[in-house]
Amino acid sequence: MGRRGSRTPGIGANAFDPEAVGALLAAKQRGADKPGSILVADLATAEALARTPA
């Protein structure tokens, strides 16, 4: 269970799936301007997520 006071404890999505991220933001009633946290296993994954399209 999530921390005390959390409105949507234990919810997550695949950060590489735009549709899943959109559904997560909708479920948490957040816009893209207030994204959630991303947990990663290693630096290579963090770097892949941090890249922006050219």
N, C-alpha and C. Protein backbone atom coordinates (compact mmCIF):
# COMPACT_ATOMS: atom_id res chain seq x y z
N MET A 1 0.84 -1.18 0.00
CA MET A 1 0.00 0.00 0.00
C MET A 1 0.88 1.24 0.00
N GLY A 2 0.38 2.31 -0.56
CA GLY A 2 1.14 3.56 -0.66
C GLY A 2 1.32 4.25 0.68
N ARG A 3 2.07 5.31 0.65
CA ARG A 3 2.32 6.07 1.88
C ARG A 3 1.03 6.73 2.36
N ARG A 4 0.97 7.04 3.61
CA ARG A 4 -0.23 7.66 4.19
C ARG A 4 -0.56 8.96 3.45
N GLY A 5 -1.82 9.11 3.09
CA GLY A 5 -2.26 10.33 2.42
C GLY A 5 -2.21 10.27 0.90
N SER A 6 -1.60 9.24 0.36
CA SER A 6 -1.53 9.11 -1.09
C SER A 6 -2.92 8.82 -1.64
N ARG A 7 -3.31 9.54 -2.70
CA ARG A 7 -4.66 9.37 -3.26
C ARG A 7 -4.76 8.12 -4.12
N THR A 8 -3.68 7.72 -4.79
CA THR A 8 -3.71 6.53 -5.64
C THR A 8 -2.48 5.68 -5.36
N PRO A 9 -2.45 5.00 -4.23
CA PRO A 9 -1.28 4.21 -3.87
C PRO A 9 -1.10 2.98 -4.77
N GLY A 10 0.14 2.67 -5.07
CA GLY A 10 0.46 1.43 -5.77
C GLY A 10 0.13 1.37 -7.25
N ILE A 11 -0.06 2.49 -7.91
CA ILE A 11 -0.40 2.48 -9.33
C ILE A 11 0.87 2.76 -10.15
N GLY A 12 0.99 2.12 -11.30
CA GLY A 12 2.17 2.32 -12.12
C GLY A 12 1.88 2.01 -13.58
N ALA A 13 2.87 2.27 -14.43
CA ALA A 13 2.72 2.03 -15.87
C ALA A 13 4.09 1.84 -16.50
N ASN A 14 4.12 1.23 -17.66
CA ASN A 14 5.34 1.07 -18.43
C ASN A 14 5.73 2.44 -19.01
N ALA A 15 6.84 2.98 -18.58
CA ALA A 15 7.27 4.31 -19.00
C ALA A 15 7.60 4.39 -20.49
N PHE A 16 7.79 3.24 -21.15
CA PHE A 16 8.08 3.22 -22.58
C PHE A 16 6.81 3.13 -23.43
N ASP A 17 5.64 3.08 -22.79
CA ASP A 17 4.37 2.94 -23.50
C ASP A 17 3.54 4.22 -23.33
N PRO A 18 3.51 5.08 -24.37
CA PRO A 18 2.80 6.37 -24.25
C PRO A 18 1.32 6.21 -23.86
N GLU A 19 0.67 5.18 -24.36
CA GLU A 19 -0.74 4.97 -24.01
C GLU A 19 -0.89 4.64 -22.53
N ALA A 20 0.02 3.81 -22.01
CA ALA A 20 -0.01 3.45 -20.59
C ALA A 20 0.28 4.67 -19.71
N VAL A 21 1.23 5.50 -20.13
CA VAL A 21 1.55 6.71 -19.36
C VAL A 21 0.36 7.66 -19.37
N GLY A 22 -0.30 7.80 -20.52
CA GLY A 22 -1.48 8.65 -20.61
C GLY A 22 -2.60 8.16 -19.69
N ALA A 23 -2.79 6.85 -19.64
CA ALA A 23 -3.82 6.28 -18.77
C ALA A 23 -3.46 6.50 -17.30
N LEU A 24 -2.19 6.39 -16.98
CA LEU A 24 -1.73 6.62 -15.60
C LEU A 24 -1.98 8.07 -15.19
N LEU A 25 -1.61 9.01 -16.06
CA LEU A 25 -1.83 10.43 -15.76
C LEU A 25 -3.32 10.72 -15.59
N ALA A 26 -4.15 10.12 -16.42
CA ALA A 26 -5.59 10.32 -16.31
C ALA A 26 -6.12 9.75 -14.99
N ALA A 27 -5.65 8.55 -14.63
CA ALA A 27 -6.09 7.92 -13.38
C ALA A 27 -5.68 8.74 -12.16
N LYS A 28 -4.53 9.39 -12.26
CA LYS A 28 -4.04 10.20 -11.14
C LYS A 28 -4.50 11.65 -11.25
N GLN A 29 -5.29 11.94 -12.29
CA GLN A 29 -5.79 13.29 -12.55
C GLN A 29 -4.65 14.30 -12.61
N ARG A 30 -3.63 13.95 -13.39
CA ARG A 30 -2.47 14.82 -13.59
C ARG A 30 -2.32 15.13 -15.07
N GLY A 31 -1.74 16.28 -15.35
CA GLY A 31 -1.40 16.63 -16.72
C GLY A 31 0.05 16.24 -16.99
N ALA A 32 0.46 16.35 -18.23
CA ALA A 32 1.84 16.03 -18.60
C ALA A 32 2.83 16.99 -17.94
N ASP A 33 2.34 18.14 -17.45
CA ASP A 33 3.22 19.10 -16.79
C ASP A 33 3.57 18.67 -15.37
N LYS A 34 2.93 17.61 -14.86
CA LYS A 34 3.22 17.11 -13.51
C LYS A 34 3.36 15.59 -13.57
N PRO A 35 4.42 15.11 -14.22
CA PRO A 35 4.59 13.66 -14.39
C PRO A 35 4.96 12.98 -13.07
N GLY A 36 4.79 11.68 -13.06
CA GLY A 36 5.14 10.88 -11.89
C GLY A 36 6.60 10.46 -11.90
N SER A 37 6.97 9.69 -10.93
CA SER A 37 8.34 9.18 -10.82
C SER A 37 8.52 7.95 -11.71
N ILE A 38 9.76 7.72 -12.11
CA ILE A 38 10.10 6.53 -12.89
C ILE A 38 11.21 5.80 -12.15
N LEU A 39 10.99 4.52 -11.88
CA LEU A 39 12.01 3.69 -11.26
C LEU A 39 12.71 2.90 -12.35
N VAL A 40 14.03 2.88 -12.34
CA VAL A 40 14.80 2.17 -13.36
C VAL A 40 15.82 1.25 -12.71
N ALA A 41 16.21 0.22 -13.45
CA ALA A 41 17.14 -0.78 -12.93
C ALA A 41 18.60 -0.36 -13.07
N ASP A 42 18.89 0.50 -14.07
CA ASP A 42 20.29 0.84 -14.30
C ASP A 42 20.41 2.17 -15.05
N LEU A 43 21.63 2.66 -15.15
CA LEU A 43 21.90 3.94 -15.79
C LEU A 43 21.51 3.94 -17.26
N ALA A 44 21.74 2.85 -17.97
CA ALA A 44 21.40 2.79 -19.39
C ALA A 44 19.91 3.03 -19.62
N THR A 45 19.07 2.48 -18.77
CA THR A 45 17.64 2.68 -18.89
C THR A 45 17.27 4.13 -18.59
N ALA A 46 17.88 4.71 -17.57
CA ALA A 46 17.64 6.12 -17.24
C ALA A 46 18.04 7.02 -18.40
N GLU A 47 19.17 6.74 -19.01
CA GLU A 47 19.62 7.54 -20.16
C GLU A 47 18.67 7.39 -21.34
N ALA A 48 18.15 6.19 -21.58
CA ALA A 48 17.21 5.97 -22.69
C ALA A 48 15.93 6.77 -22.45
N LEU A 49 15.47 6.84 -21.23
CA LEU A 49 14.26 7.59 -20.92
C LEU A 49 14.49 9.10 -20.99
N ALA A 50 15.71 9.55 -20.73
CA ALA A 50 16.01 10.98 -20.69
C ALA A 50 16.22 11.55 -22.09
N ARG A 51 16.48 10.72 -23.07
CA ARG A 51 16.70 11.21 -24.43
C ARG A 51 15.43 11.83 -24.99
N THR A 52 15.61 12.90 -25.74
CA THR A 52 14.48 13.53 -26.42
C THR A 52 14.65 13.37 -27.91
N PRO A 53 13.55 13.32 -28.67
CA PRO A 53 13.66 13.20 -30.12
C PRO A 53 14.39 14.39 -30.72
N ALA A 54 15.13 14.14 -31.79
CA ALA A 54 15.90 15.21 -32.47
C ALA A 54 15.00 16.13 -33.24
